[in-house]
Amino acid sequence: MTEKSKRSLLIIAILASLLPAFLLMTWPSVVSVSTVSLWLADTLGYIGIVLLLWMYILGAKSVMGIVFRDLAPVLSIHKWIGKYGVLAIFLHPLLVTIGFGESLFYSIVPHIGTLYERHVTLGRISFWLLVLTWFVSAIIRDRVKFRPWKYLHYLAYVCVPFALLHVPNVGSHYMSSSAVKLYFFGLVITFFIITLLRLRGLMNLDKIAYEVVSHTGITDTDNVLYLKPVSDLHIEPKRGQYAYVKLGYISEDHPFSVLQYDEKTKNIAVGYRVFGEYTSVMSALEVGDTVYVGGPYGTFMSDFESDTRPTVFLTGGIGITPFVDQIIKNKGKREQWLFAANRSRNSAVLVPQIAPYLGNRLVRVYSQEASTLKTGEVSGHISAELLKSYLGDLKGYNFYLCGPSTMMNAMKEMLLNNGVPKQLVRNEEFGW
């Protein structure tokens, strides 16, 4: 089954899981503002719990990686639900307030005097945690650094158990309907199953142990990490795929393009640039150290073999890594161009190593090179004019893009604006 078909089934499953919230909530026998508000509150409450569960599921590569190889589109669904779907949840306390004729502060100010109020307060806590997470992720994400955002983002998952615990002693339909009870317990069981699957990632059960066999610096800030599998278990990355590297049991894991894969030894190499806390720790790895590798993921080069059009790789900095192995293995087999953008000659990671495989089809683009340019080097940025000066009509080429997201977005827009069909422009996207 294709990745696109699997995503279609995923969307159908999400929509189907919301139907019971509409079908099981009994329409009030006496219609009034109060009764309809409470009916909507219950309906949206269950919809909210289901959407929180889906965010919990879709946000875990240890779960989604069982089914999908292309995680980026799955993460897009997760983001969409997180940004727009949870707005339905925000209506729940407002409708409860209207239904019971309470003040606007009732659903948001904690009260713990009775068992009923304590369960209502569990919902209040879930609501405030979700508001905080939504505000940071949907409103001010661009102004928050990745690490603080990441840990604040995890609060959304804490909302799930609080929301579930909130239901039994306050849900009117739960207390009066066996079908609603069954539906609710199905949600609880789902939560526990997904939690167990997520624990696989924390315990490295979704990854394979690899040993560092070499760690080489290729520029002042760029390194190549060579890894061999510790046992017979190993990943088998295809062209352009990436893998997650975890530095130990108490560690984050980060995605890196697979630079090389040796089909005989099963060894892999990943290239990375030191630019943050994680890669700084990674740069201290020594020969013999153990890391844990998960994957492989990604499909953006899956059509590379079947589409025989001339290929153009547009890269920025360390974004060259997913293309190195393909350029080497396809030397003389097809027309390949590489436009490699870097600040200077000294920061042009892997460009000297790959130059012999491309000849005059390698164009080095420098934004800050101070010395005299050599043949095949240009100053500035990758532009339509630059591409046309070497390639002529751009419509006859396949374009593969990898680099900083802002650069990829700009290059993709530039290519589309110059008549390149959308299906011929592909860019790498990491899933998590």
Protein backbone atom coordinates (compact mmCIF):
# COMPACT_ATOMS: atom_id res chain seq x y z
CA MET A 1 0.00 0.00 0.00
CA THR A 2 1.33 3.44 -0.89
CA GLU A 3 2.01 6.10 1.73
CA LYS A 4 -0.73 8.26 0.20
CA SER A 5 -3.28 5.42 0.52
CA LYS A 6 -2.29 4.84 4.13
CA ARG A 7 -2.75 8.54 4.89
CA SER A 8 -6.20 8.47 3.28
CA LEU A 9 -7.17 5.55 5.52
CA LEU A 10 -5.78 7.41 8.51
CA ILE A 11 -7.99 10.43 7.80
CA ILE A 12 -11.01 8.15 7.37
CA ALA A 13 -10.20 6.50 10.73
CA ILE A 14 -9.98 9.90 12.44
CA LEU A 15 -13.35 10.98 11.05
CA ALA A 16 -14.96 7.62 11.88
CA SER A 17 -13.74 7.83 15.48
CA LEU A 18 -15.62 11.12 15.89
CA LEU A 19 -18.99 9.74 14.77
CA PRO A 20 -19.96 8.09 18.10
CA ALA A 21 -19.70 11.48 19.79
CA PHE A 22 -22.59 12.62 17.57
CA LEU A 23 -24.57 9.37 17.48
CA LEU A 24 -24.47 8.46 21.18
CA MET A 25 -25.32 11.82 22.72
CA THR A 26 -29.13 11.87 23.15
CA TRP A 27 -30.82 14.99 21.85
CA PRO A 28 -32.66 16.75 24.73
CA SER A 29 -36.37 16.03 25.03
CA VAL A 30 -37.02 19.65 26.01
CA VAL A 31 -35.25 22.11 23.75
CA SER A 32 -33.92 25.24 25.42
CA VAL A 33 -30.71 27.23 25.49
CA SER A 34 -29.66 25.34 28.62
CA THR A 35 -30.38 21.80 27.36
CA VAL A 36 -28.92 22.35 23.88
CA SER A 37 -25.81 23.95 25.42
CA LEU A 38 -25.30 20.91 27.64
CA TRP A 39 -25.84 18.53 24.69
CA LEU A 40 -23.25 20.43 22.65
CA ALA A 41 -20.92 20.52 25.66
CA ASP A 42 -21.05 16.72 26.02
CA THR A 43 -20.68 16.17 22.26
CA LEU A 44 -17.72 18.53 21.94
CA GLY A 45 -16.22 17.15 25.14
CA TYR A 46 -16.00 13.65 23.65
CA ILE A 47 -14.82 15.03 20.32
CA GLY A 48 -12.12 16.89 22.23
CA ILE A 49 -10.96 13.76 24.03
CA VAL A 50 -10.82 11.84 20.75
CA LEU A 51 -8.81 14.61 19.08
CA LEU A 52 -6.44 14.74 22.06
CA LEU A 53 -5.95 11.00 21.70
CA TRP A 54 -5.22 11.37 18.00
CA MET A 55 -2.65 14.07 18.74
CA TYR A 56 -1.12 11.69 21.29
CA ILE A 57 -1.00 8.93 18.65
CA LEU A 58 0.15 11.03 15.69
CA GLY A 59 2.82 12.75 17.74
CA ALA A 60 4.72 9.53 18.41
CA LYS A 61 7.03 8.18 15.71
CA SER A 62 7.41 5.00 17.79
CA VAL A 63 3.71 4.45 16.99
CA MET A 64 3.33 5.97 13.53
CA GLY A 65 6.65 4.50 12.41
CA ILE A 66 5.08 1.04 12.64
CA VAL A 67 2.79 1.93 9.72
CA PHE A 68 4.36 4.86 7.86
CA ARG A 69 7.73 5.42 6.20
CA ASP A 70 6.94 9.02 5.32
CA LEU A 71 6.32 10.72 8.65
CA ALA A 72 6.26 14.37 7.60
CA PRO A 73 2.69 14.30 6.15
CA VAL A 74 1.50 12.44 9.26
CA LEU A 75 3.01 15.16 11.40
CA SER A 76 1.16 17.73 9.28
CA ILE A 77 -2.13 16.08 10.29
CA HIS A 78 -1.00 16.19 13.92
CA LYS A 79 -0.24 19.91 13.60
CA TRP A 80 -3.57 20.64 11.91
CA ILE A 81 -5.53 18.94 14.68
CA GLY A 82 -3.42 20.71 17.28
CA LYS A 83 -3.99 24.11 15.72
CA TYR A 84 -7.63 23.92 14.61
CA GLY A 85 -9.23 20.77 16.02
CA VAL A 86 -8.66 21.70 19.64
CA LEU A 87 -10.70 24.86 19.18
CA ALA A 88 -13.74 22.61 19.59
CA ILE A 89 -12.39 21.65 23.00
CA PHE A 90 -12.24 25.28 24.06
CA LEU A 91 -15.98 25.60 23.49
CA HIS A 92 -16.75 22.78 25.95
CA PRO A 93 -16.32 24.75 29.22
CA LEU A 94 -18.09 27.78 27.77
CA LEU A 95 -21.12 25.66 26.84
CA VAL A 96 -21.12 24.01 30.30
CA THR A 97 -21.14 27.45 31.88
CA ILE A 98 -24.09 28.53 29.73
CA GLY A 99 -25.94 25.25 30.29
CA PHE A 100 -25.73 25.46 34.08
CA GLY A 101 -26.22 29.21 34.21
CA GLU A 102 -22.96 29.70 36.06
CA SER A 103 -20.60 32.69 35.87
CA LEU A 104 -17.90 32.76 33.22
CA PHE A 105 -15.33 31.92 35.89
CA TYR A 106 -16.98 28.63 36.86
CA SER A 107 -15.28 26.43 34.27
CA ILE A 108 -11.83 27.89 34.70
CA VAL A 109 -11.42 28.61 38.43
CA PRO A 110 -10.61 25.46 40.47
CA HIS A 111 -12.98 24.21 43.18
CA ILE A 112 -12.23 21.05 45.15
CA GLY A 113 -14.83 21.06 47.94
CA THR A 114 -16.74 18.01 46.71
CA LEU A 115 -15.96 14.87 44.67
CA TYR A 116 -17.94 16.34 41.80
CA GLU A 117 -15.96 19.60 41.91
CA ARG A 118 -12.67 17.72 42.10
CA HIS A 119 -13.52 15.89 38.88
CA VAL A 120 -14.61 19.15 37.26
CA THR A 121 -11.24 20.59 38.30
CA LEU A 122 -9.43 17.77 36.50
CA GLY A 123 -11.13 19.06 33.38
CA ARG A 124 -10.14 22.63 34.27
CA ILE A 125 -6.49 21.58 34.58
CA SER A 126 -6.66 19.82 31.23
CA PHE A 127 -8.23 22.94 29.71
CA TRP A 128 -5.53 25.30 30.98
CA LEU A 129 -2.69 23.01 29.98
CA LEU A 130 -4.18 22.79 26.50
CA VAL A 131 -4.65 26.56 26.26
CA LEU A 132 -0.98 27.07 27.17
CA THR A 133 0.21 24.46 24.67
CA TRP A 134 -2.01 25.81 21.90
CA PHE A 135 -0.89 29.40 22.50
CA VAL A 136 2.80 28.48 22.39
CA SER A 137 2.44 26.19 19.35
CA ALA A 138 -0.14 28.04 17.24
CA ILE A 139 0.39 31.70 18.10
CA ILE A 140 3.97 32.36 19.18
CA ARG A 141 5.81 29.27 17.85
CA ASP A 142 8.15 31.35 15.66
CA ARG A 143 9.27 33.36 18.68
CA VAL A 144 10.02 30.41 20.96
CA LYS A 145 13.22 28.39 20.76
CA PHE A 146 12.85 24.73 19.84
CA ARG A 147 13.81 23.16 23.16
CA PRO A 148 11.49 25.23 25.42
CA TRP A 149 8.69 24.76 22.88
CA LYS A 150 9.28 21.00 22.76
CA TYR A 151 8.95 20.52 26.51
CA LEU A 152 5.95 22.84 26.78
CA HIS A 153 4.40 20.95 23.86
CA TYR A 154 4.49 17.73 25.90
CA LEU A 155 1.90 19.29 28.25
CA ALA A 156 -0.71 18.51 25.59
CA TYR A 157 -0.19 14.82 26.31
CA VAL A 158 -0.73 15.37 30.04
CA CYS A 159 -4.14 16.76 29.08
CA VAL A 160 -5.29 13.31 27.91
CA PRO A 161 -5.36 11.48 31.29
CA PHE A 162 -6.77 14.56 33.05
CA ALA A 163 -9.56 14.80 30.48
CA LEU A 164 -10.34 11.08 30.80
CA LEU A 165 -10.39 11.18 34.61
CA HIS A 166 -12.67 14.20 34.40
CA VAL A 167 -15.53 12.29 32.72
CA PRO A 168 -16.92 9.52 35.03
CA ASN A 169 -18.33 11.70 37.81
CA VAL A 170 -19.47 14.67 35.74
CA GLY A 171 -20.58 13.32 32.37
CA SER A 172 -24.39 13.13 32.28
CA HIS A 173 -24.47 10.88 29.20
CA TYR A 174 -21.74 8.68 30.68
CA MET A 175 -23.80 8.11 33.83
CA SER A 176 -27.04 7.41 31.96
CA SER A 177 -25.95 5.43 28.90
CA SER A 178 -24.21 2.04 28.73
CA ALA A 179 -23.25 2.71 25.11
CA VAL A 180 -21.47 5.92 26.11
CA LYS A 181 -19.70 4.05 28.93
CA LEU A 182 -18.51 1.45 26.41
CA TYR A 183 -17.32 4.20 24.06
CA PHE A 184 -15.50 5.92 26.91
CA PHE A 185 -13.75 2.75 28.07
CA GLY A 186 -12.68 2.13 24.48
CA LEU A 187 -10.96 5.53 24.58
CA VAL A 188 -9.29 4.65 27.91
CA ILE A 189 -8.02 1.32 26.56
CA THR A 190 -6.71 3.07 23.45
CA PHE A 191 -4.83 5.54 25.63
CA PHE A 192 -3.13 2.75 27.59
CA ILE A 193 -2.20 0.80 24.45
CA ILE A 194 -0.69 3.88 22.80
CA THR A 195 1.16 4.74 26.01
CA LEU A 196 2.76 1.27 26.01
CA LEU A 197 3.74 1.71 22.37
CA ARG A 198 5.21 5.13 23.12
CA LEU A 199 7.27 3.57 25.91
CA ARG A 200 8.99 1.51 23.21
CA GLY A 201 10.69 4.70 22.11
CA LEU A 202 11.81 5.65 25.62
CA MET A 203 13.27 2.16 26.11
CA ASN A 204 14.89 2.10 22.63
CA LEU A 205 12.83 -0.94 21.62
CA ASP A 206 12.03 0.76 18.31
CA LYS A 207 15.73 1.30 17.58
CA ILE A 208 18.83 -0.75 16.82
CA ALA A 209 22.16 -0.50 18.63
CA TYR A 210 25.10 0.72 16.54
CA GLU A 211 28.75 1.18 17.46
CA VAL A 212 30.83 4.18 16.43
CA VAL A 213 33.66 2.97 14.16
CA SER A 214 34.88 6.36 13.01
CA HIS A 215 34.12 10.02 13.69
CA THR A 216 35.61 12.43 11.19
CA GLY A 217 35.59 16.20 11.04
CA ILE A 218 35.29 17.54 7.50
CA THR A 219 34.98 21.28 8.26
CA ASP A 220 35.19 23.33 11.44
CA THR A 221 31.53 22.62 12.16
CA ASP A 222 30.67 19.50 10.12
CA ASN A 223 31.34 15.87 10.93
CA VAL A 224 30.66 12.41 9.58
CA LEU A 225 29.73 9.65 12.00
CA TYR A 226 30.38 6.09 10.78
CA LEU A 227 28.36 3.37 12.52
CA LYS A 228 28.21 -0.42 12.41
CA PRO A 229 25.39 -2.58 13.80
CA VAL A 230 26.19 -4.28 17.09
CA SER A 231 24.18 -7.41 16.15
CA ASP A 232 22.61 -8.92 13.05
CA LEU A 233 19.82 -6.35 13.31
CA HIS A 234 20.32 -3.30 11.08
CA ILE A 235 18.41 -0.71 9.11
CA GLU A 236 18.38 -0.77 5.31
CA PRO A 237 17.99 2.83 4.17
CA LYS A 238 17.03 3.57 0.59
CA ARG A 239 18.12 6.62 -1.36
CA GLY A 240 17.46 9.92 0.35
CA GLN A 241 16.13 8.43 3.58
CA TYR A 242 16.95 9.61 7.08
CA ALA A 243 17.31 7.88 10.44
CA TYR A 244 16.96 8.93 14.06
CA VAL A 245 20.05 8.78 16.24
CA LYS A 246 19.70 8.53 20.02
CA LEU A 247 22.87 8.94 22.04
CA GLY A 248 21.84 6.75 24.97
CA TYR A 249 18.85 5.72 27.05
CA ILE A 250 18.59 9.15 28.65
CA SER A 251 18.74 11.18 25.49
CA GLU A 252 16.69 12.86 22.82
CA ASP A 253 16.78 11.47 19.32
CA HIS A 254 17.30 13.62 16.25
CA PRO A 255 16.91 12.91 12.52
CA PHE A 256 19.90 12.81 10.18
CA SER A 257 20.09 12.01 6.48
CA VAL A 258 21.92 8.76 5.77
CA LEU A 259 25.06 9.81 3.94
CA GLN A 260 26.17 6.30 2.98
CA TYR A 261 24.92 2.74 3.37
CA ASP A 262 27.19 -0.24 2.73
CA GLU A 263 25.03 -3.17 1.63
CA LYS A 264 27.80 -5.68 2.45
CA THR A 265 28.82 -4.57 5.93
CA LYS A 266 25.45 -2.90 6.75
CA ASN A 267 27.41 0.08 8.07
CA ILE A 268 25.93 3.55 7.73
CA ALA A 269 27.31 7.06 7.81
CA VAL A 270 25.48 10.21 8.85
CA GLY A 271 26.69 13.76 8.35
CA TYR A 272 25.80 16.54 10.74
CA ARG A 273 26.60 20.15 11.57
CA VAL A 274 27.28 21.24 15.14
CA PHE A 275 24.80 24.02 15.89
CA GLY A 276 23.03 23.18 19.15
CA GLU A 277 23.18 21.29 22.43
CA TYR A 278 22.37 17.89 20.94
CA THR A 279 24.93 18.02 18.14
CA SER A 280 27.53 19.41 20.57
CA VAL A 281 27.11 16.27 22.69
CA MET A 282 27.09 14.17 19.52
CA SER A 283 30.42 15.66 18.43
CA ALA A 284 32.03 14.18 21.56
CA LEU A 285 31.24 10.57 20.55
CA GLU A 286 34.31 8.36 20.36
CA VAL A 287 35.14 5.09 18.61
CA GLY A 288 33.45 2.23 20.49
CA ASP A 289 30.58 4.30 21.86
CA THR A 290 27.06 2.94 21.36
CA VAL A 291 24.18 4.86 19.84
CA TYR A 292 20.67 3.78 18.91
CA VAL A 293 19.31 4.20 15.40
CA GLY A 294 15.66 4.19 14.36
CA GLY A 295 14.20 4.21 10.88
CA PRO A 296 14.73 4.57 8.05
CA TYR A 297 12.13 7.16 7.08
CA GLY A 298 11.38 9.39 4.12
CA THR A 299 10.15 8.90 0.55
CA PHE A 300 11.15 12.08 -1.25
CA MET A 301 13.62 10.24 -3.52
CA SER A 302 11.46 7.16 -4.07
CA ASP A 303 10.89 8.06 -7.75
CA PHE A 304 14.57 8.68 -8.44
CA GLU A 305 15.21 5.36 -10.18
CA SER A 306 12.03 5.24 -12.28
CA ASP A 307 12.16 8.83 -13.56
CA THR A 308 15.06 9.14 -15.99
CA ARG A 309 14.91 12.90 -16.57
CA PRO A 310 18.15 14.79 -15.88
CA THR A 311 18.43 15.45 -12.16
CA VAL A 312 19.31 18.68 -10.40
CA PHE A 313 20.20 18.72 -6.71
CA LEU A 314 19.85 22.09 -4.95
CA THR A 315 21.48 22.06 -1.54
CA GLY A 316 22.30 24.39 1.30
CA GLY A 317 25.14 23.54 3.69
CA ILE A 318 24.78 20.14 5.32
CA GLY A 319 21.69 19.57 3.12
CA ILE A 320 24.01 17.89 0.64
CA THR A 321 24.06 14.68 2.72
CA PRO A 322 21.05 12.76 1.29
CA PHE A 323 22.43 13.12 -2.26
CA VAL A 324 26.08 12.13 -1.87
CA ASP A 325 25.62 8.37 -2.15
CA GLN A 326 23.26 8.71 -5.11
CA ILE A 327 25.62 11.00 -7.03
CA ILE A 328 28.51 8.60 -6.49
CA LYS A 329 26.56 5.47 -7.43
CA ASN A 330 25.00 7.06 -10.52
CA LYS A 331 28.13 8.54 -12.04
CA GLY A 332 27.95 8.02 -15.80
CA LYS A 333 24.47 6.50 -15.61
CA ARG A 334 22.43 9.71 -15.85
CA GLU A 335 22.79 13.46 -16.12
CA GLN A 336 23.24 14.90 -12.64
CA TRP A 337 23.77 18.51 -11.56
CA LEU A 338 24.58 19.84 -8.12
CA PHE A 339 24.16 23.48 -7.13
CA ALA A 340 25.68 23.65 -3.64
CA ALA A 341 25.09 26.84 -1.66
CA ASN A 342 27.47 27.65 1.20
CA ARG A 343 28.83 30.70 2.95
CA SER A 344 32.38 30.14 1.71
CA ARG A 345 34.78 27.62 0.21
CA ASN A 346 35.91 26.49 3.67
CA SER A 347 32.35 25.78 4.82
CA ALA A 348 31.39 23.83 1.67
CA VAL A 349 30.78 20.52 3.40
CA LEU A 350 31.44 17.38 1.28
CA VAL A 351 31.68 19.41 -1.93
CA PRO A 352 35.39 18.66 -2.50
CA GLN A 353 34.79 14.94 -1.91
CA ILE A 354 31.96 14.78 -4.43
CA ALA A 355 33.47 17.06 -7.07
CA PRO A 356 35.24 14.26 -9.05
CA TYR A 357 31.88 12.55 -9.67
CA LEU A 358 30.26 15.62 -11.24
CA GLY A 359 32.94 17.44 -13.22
CA ASN A 360 31.57 20.65 -14.75
CA ARG A 361 28.06 19.82 -13.54
CA LEU A 362 28.99 20.98 -10.05
CA VAL A 363 28.26 24.66 -9.35
CA ARG A 364 29.54 26.05 -6.08
CA VAL A 365 27.52 29.04 -4.87
CA TYR A 366 29.09 31.19 -2.14
CA SER A 367 27.38 34.02 -0.30
CA GLN A 368 30.42 35.28 1.65
CA GLU A 369 33.58 34.05 -0.14
CA ALA A 370 36.22 36.78 0.04
CA SER A 371 38.91 35.31 -2.24
CA THR A 372 38.95 35.20 -6.05
CA LEU A 373 36.40 32.77 -7.46
CA LYS A 374 37.56 29.77 -9.44
CA THR A 375 35.97 27.97 -12.38
CA GLY A 376 32.62 26.51 -11.37
CA GLU A 377 32.22 28.97 -8.47
CA VAL A 378 29.75 31.86 -8.37
CA SER A 379 28.92 34.51 -5.82
CA GLY A 380 25.46 35.11 -4.41
CA HIS A 381 22.53 32.70 -4.04
CA ILE A 382 20.80 30.04 -6.10
CA SER A 383 18.39 31.85 -8.41
CA ALA A 384 16.33 31.14 -11.51
CA GLU A 385 18.77 33.18 -13.59
CA LEU A 386 21.72 31.15 -12.32
CA LEU A 387 19.96 27.83 -13.02
CA LYS A 388 18.93 28.92 -16.52
CA SER A 389 22.46 30.04 -17.36
CA TYR A 390 23.63 26.44 -16.86
CA LEU A 391 20.52 24.38 -17.63
CA GLY A 392 18.50 26.43 -20.12
CA ASP A 393 14.82 25.49 -19.93
CA LEU A 394 14.14 24.28 -16.39
CA LYS A 395 11.01 22.30 -17.26
CA GLY A 396 12.93 19.23 -18.42
CA TYR A 397 14.63 18.48 -15.10
CA ASN A 398 13.82 16.75 -11.84
CA PHE A 399 14.70 18.95 -8.87
CA TYR A 400 15.61 17.62 -5.43
CA LEU A 401 15.96 20.18 -2.63
CA CYS A 402 17.55 19.87 0.78
CA GLY A 403 18.73 22.56 3.17
CA PRO A 404 17.29 25.03 5.68
CA SER A 405 13.49 25.16 5.46
CA THR A 406 13.41 28.84 4.50
CA MET A 407 15.83 28.16 1.66
CA MET A 408 13.87 25.15 0.42
CA ASN A 409 10.60 27.07 0.48
CA ALA A 410 12.14 29.95 -1.47
CA MET A 411 13.70 27.64 -4.08
CA LYS A 412 10.50 25.65 -4.48
CA GLU A 413 8.50 28.83 -5.05
CA MET A 414 11.14 30.07 -7.50
CA LEU A 415 11.00 26.84 -9.53
CA LEU A 416 7.20 26.76 -9.65
CA ASN A 417 7.10 30.41 -10.69
CA ASN A 418 9.40 29.53 -13.60
CA GLY A 419 7.12 26.86 -14.96
CA VAL A 420 8.59 23.72 -13.43
CA PRO A 421 5.71 21.26 -12.80
CA LYS A 422 5.00 20.72 -9.10
CA GLN A 423 5.53 16.96 -9.37
CA LEU A 424 9.12 17.52 -10.54
CA VAL A 425 10.09 19.48 -7.40
CA ARG A 426 10.76 17.40 -4.29
CA ASN A 427 12.20 18.47 -0.98
CA GLU A 428 13.26 16.59 2.10
CA GLU A 429 11.06 16.89 5.18
CA PHE A 430 11.89 15.32 8.50
CA GLY A 431 8.88 13.94 10.36
CA TRP A 432 9.80 14.77 13.95
